[in-house]
Amino acid sequence: MRVINSCLLAAALVLVPLMAFAEKPEYRVMIKDHKFSPAEIIIPANTKVTLIVENQDATPEEFESHEMHREKIIAGNKTAKIRIGPLKPGNYPFFGEFHEDTAKGVVIAQ
């Protein structure tokens, strides 16, 4: 019994640190024609996630959200990773500061 407990403890000591480095869920968002697509991103509440934002326009755009406290310029034809959360359940708007009239979206944490 003592040997089994020692093996379980050894396995836990190896696996727990590995779980801490597990990748966060990723959600892809495109910028094209100065619009975000999808404009609505549903994520799990209380979970850290990564947004992969691909700017398919030739000009830069800024992903900005006051509610999520994020601001990131994404050069034309480039991709950026934006880590968000954990967020409480609710709606978190974001916009493209360089094209606020068309580049709008919302993260919905459920």
C-alpha atoms as a PDB file:
ATOM      1  CA  MET A   1       0.000   0.000   0.000  1.00  0.00           C
ATOM      2  CA  ARG A   2       2.864   2.336   0.850  1.00  0.00           C
ATOM      3  CA  VAL A   3       4.432   1.719  -2.592  1.00  0.00           C
ATOM      4  CA  ILE A   4       1.152   2.560  -4.364  1.00  0.00           C
ATOM      5  CA  ASN A   5       0.764   5.781  -2.361  1.00  0.00           C
ATOM      6  CA  SER A   6       4.344   6.750  -3.196  1.00  0.00           C
ATOM      7  CA  CYS A   7       3.703   6.113  -6.900  1.00  0.00           C
ATOM      8  CA  LEU A   8       0.518   8.203  -6.803  1.00  0.00           C
ATOM      9  CA  LEU A   9       2.343  11.025  -5.054  1.00  0.00           C
ATOM     10  CA  ALA A  10       5.170  10.900  -7.608  1.00  0.00           C
ATOM     11  CA  ALA A  11       2.667  10.988 -10.482  1.00  0.00           C
ATOM     12  CA  ALA A  12       0.844  13.964  -8.931  1.00  0.00           C
ATOM     13  CA  LEU A  13       4.121  15.855  -8.511  1.00  0.00           C
ATOM     14  CA  VAL A  14       4.832  15.386 -12.217  1.00  0.00           C
ATOM     15  CA  LEU A  15       1.321  16.041 -13.579  1.00  0.00           C
ATOM     16  CA  VAL A  16       0.263  19.078 -11.529  1.00  0.00           C
ATOM     17  CA  PRO A  17       3.045  21.352 -12.828  1.00  0.00           C
ATOM     18  CA  LEU A  18       2.352  20.164 -16.378  1.00  0.00           C
ATOM     19  CA  MET A  19      -1.324  21.063 -16.022  1.00  0.00           C
ATOM     20  CA  ALA A  20      -0.310  24.581 -15.000  1.00  0.00           C
ATOM     21  CA  PHE A  21       1.343  24.991 -18.400  1.00  0.00           C
ATOM     22  CA  ALA A  22      -1.622  23.623 -20.361  1.00  0.00           C
ATOM     23  CA  GLU A  23      -2.686  25.825 -23.235  1.00  0.00           C
ATOM     24  CA  LYS A  24      -5.600  28.146 -22.692  1.00  0.00           C
ATOM     25  CA  PRO A  25      -8.577  27.752 -25.047  1.00  0.00           C
ATOM     26  CA  GLU A  26      -8.086  29.765 -28.248  1.00  0.00           C
ATOM     27  CA  TYR A  27     -10.670  31.688 -30.261  1.00  0.00           C
ATOM     28  CA  ARG A  28      -9.949  33.049 -33.751  1.00  0.00           C
ATOM     29  CA  VAL A  29     -11.097  36.483 -34.878  1.00  0.00           C
ATOM     30  CA  MET A  30     -10.467  38.028 -38.288  1.00  0.00           C
ATOM     31  CA  ILE A  31     -10.265  41.659 -39.293  1.00  0.00           C
ATOM     32  CA  LYS A  32     -11.302  42.107 -42.917  1.00  0.00           C
ATOM     33  CA  ASP A  33     -12.644  45.233 -44.611  1.00  0.00           C
ATOM     34  CA  HIS A  34     -12.259  46.987 -41.234  1.00  0.00           C
ATOM     35  CA  LYS A  35     -14.728  44.620 -39.518  1.00  0.00           C
ATOM     36  CA  PHE A  36     -14.294  41.884 -36.907  1.00  0.00           C
ATOM     37  CA  SER A  37     -15.505  38.417 -37.834  1.00  0.00           C
ATOM     38  CA  PRO A  38     -17.062  36.874 -35.917  1.00  0.00           C
ATOM     39  CA  ALA A  39     -18.306  40.006 -34.209  1.00  0.00           C
ATOM     40  CA  GLU A  40     -19.647  37.904 -31.325  1.00  0.00           C
ATOM     41  CA  ILE A  41     -17.281  35.561 -29.487  1.00  0.00           C
ATOM     42  CA  ILE A  42     -18.715  33.266 -26.819  1.00  0.00           C
ATOM     43  CA  ILE A  43     -16.225  32.046 -24.221  1.00  0.00           C
ATOM     44  CA  PRO A  44     -16.563  30.179 -20.937  1.00  0.00           C
ATOM     45  CA  ALA A  45     -16.883  32.468 -17.923  1.00  0.00           C
ATOM     46  CA  ASN A  46     -14.182  32.389 -15.249  1.00  0.00           C
ATOM     47  CA  THR A  47     -11.625  30.937 -17.690  1.00  0.00           C
ATOM     48  CA  LYS A  48      -8.476  32.434 -19.178  1.00  0.00           C
ATOM     49  CA  VAL A  49      -8.554  32.303 -22.986  1.00  0.00           C
ATOM     50  CA  THR A  50      -6.481  33.523 -25.902  1.00  0.00           C
ATOM     51  CA  LEU A  51      -7.903  35.467 -28.825  1.00  0.00           C
ATOM     52  CA  ILE A  52      -5.975  34.910 -32.049  1.00  0.00           C
ATOM     53  CA  VAL A  53      -6.663  38.078 -34.041  1.00  0.00           C
ATOM     54  CA  GLU A  54      -5.722  37.911 -37.726  1.00  0.00           C
ATOM     55  CA  ASN A  55      -5.686  41.231 -39.565  1.00  0.00           C
ATOM     56  CA  GLN A  56      -6.328  40.460 -43.241  1.00  0.00           C
ATOM     57  CA  ASP A  57      -6.418  44.152 -44.154  1.00  0.00           C
ATOM     58  CA  ALA A  58      -3.311  45.878 -45.515  1.00  0.00           C
ATOM     59  CA  THR A  59      -3.609  48.613 -42.872  1.00  0.00           C
ATOM     60  CA  PRO A  60      -3.129  48.281 -39.105  1.00  0.00           C
ATOM     61  CA  GLU A  61      -6.021  48.046 -36.676  1.00  0.00           C
ATOM     62  CA  GLU A  62      -6.151  48.348 -32.918  1.00  0.00           C
ATOM     63  CA  PHE A  63      -8.083  45.822 -30.849  1.00  0.00           C
ATOM     64  CA  GLU A  64      -9.344  47.785 -27.864  1.00  0.00           C
ATOM     65  CA  SER A  65     -11.673  47.032 -24.970  1.00  0.00           C
ATOM     66  CA  HIS A  66     -12.076  49.255 -21.948  1.00  0.00           C
ATOM     67  CA  GLU A  67     -14.072  46.559 -20.120  1.00  0.00           C
ATOM     68  CA  MET A  68     -11.410  43.880 -20.660  1.00  0.00           C
ATOM     69  CA  HIS A  69      -8.545  46.365 -20.170  1.00  0.00           C
ATOM     70  CA  ARG A  70      -6.896  45.359 -23.461  1.00  0.00           C
ATOM     71  CA  GLU A  71      -5.343  47.429 -26.218  1.00  0.00           C
ATOM     72  CA  LYS A  72      -3.222  45.965 -29.007  1.00  0.00           C
ATOM     73  CA  ILE A  73      -2.221  47.264 -32.445  1.00  0.00           C
ATOM     74  CA  ILE A  74      -2.182  44.554 -35.098  1.00  0.00           C
ATOM     75  CA  ALA A  75      -0.202  45.451 -38.206  1.00  0.00           C
ATOM     76  CA  GLY A  76      -1.673  44.858 -41.639  1.00  0.00           C
ATOM     77  CA  ASN A  77      -1.564  41.205 -42.749  1.00  0.00           C
ATOM     78  CA  LYS A  78      -0.322  40.116 -39.295  1.00  0.00           C
ATOM     79  CA  THR A  79      -1.673  38.035 -36.421  1.00  0.00           C
ATOM     80  CA  ALA A  80      -1.603  38.759 -32.699  1.00  0.00           C
ATOM     81  CA  LYS A  81      -2.434  36.824 -29.545  1.00  0.00           C
ATOM     82  CA  ILE A  82      -4.476  38.593 -26.893  1.00  0.00           C
ATOM     83  CA  ARG A  83      -4.972  36.870 -23.560  1.00  0.00           C
ATOM     84  CA  ILE A  84      -8.163  37.701 -21.682  1.00  0.00           C
ATOM     85  CA  GLY A  85      -9.954  36.552 -18.567  1.00  0.00           C
ATOM     86  CA  PRO A  86     -10.965  35.086 -16.406  1.00  0.00           C
ATOM     87  CA  LEU A  87     -14.137  37.104 -17.024  1.00  0.00           C
ATOM     88  CA  LYS A  88     -17.318  37.037 -14.975  1.00  0.00           C
ATOM     89  CA  PRO A  89     -20.488  36.187 -16.933  1.00  0.00           C
ATOM     90  CA  GLY A  90     -21.471  39.143 -19.088  1.00  0.00           C
ATOM     91  CA  ASN A  91     -20.849  41.107 -22.282  1.00  0.00           C
ATOM     92  CA  TYR A  92     -17.495  42.756 -22.974  1.00  0.00           C
ATOM     93  CA  PRO A  93     -17.486  45.052 -26.025  1.00  0.00           C
ATOM     94  CA  PHE A  94     -14.383  45.637 -28.135  1.00  0.00           C
ATOM     95  CA  PHE A  95     -13.672  47.837 -31.140  1.00  0.00           C
ATOM     96  CA  GLY A  96     -11.030  48.792 -33.667  1.00  0.00           C
ATOM     97  CA  GLU A  97      -9.888  52.244 -32.700  1.00  0.00           C
ATOM     98  CA  PHE A  98      -8.772  53.108 -36.246  1.00  0.00           C
ATOM     99  CA  HIS A  99     -12.208  52.241 -37.720  1.00  0.00           C
ATOM    100  CA  GLU A 100     -14.644  52.604 -34.821  1.00  0.00           C
ATOM    101  CA  ASP A 101     -17.618  53.048 -37.150  1.00  0.00           C
ATOM    102  CA  THR A 102     -17.286  49.499 -38.594  1.00  0.00           C
ATOM    103  CA  ALA A 103     -14.886  47.487 -36.412  1.00  0.00           C
ATOM    104  CA  LYS A 104     -17.042  46.459 -33.456  1.00  0.00           C
ATOM    105  CA  GLY A 105     -17.615  43.262 -31.536  1.00  0.00           C
ATOM    106  CA  VAL A 106     -18.387  41.694 -28.185  1.00  0.00           C
ATOM    107  CA  VAL A 107     -17.001  38.876 -26.073  1.00  0.00           C
ATOM    108  CA  ILE A 108     -19.786  37.062 -24.236  1.00  0.00           C
ATOM    109  CA  ALA A 109     -18.645  35.159 -21.164  1.00  0.00           C
ATOM    110  CA  GLN A 110     -21.127  32.418 -20.195  1.00  0.00           C
END
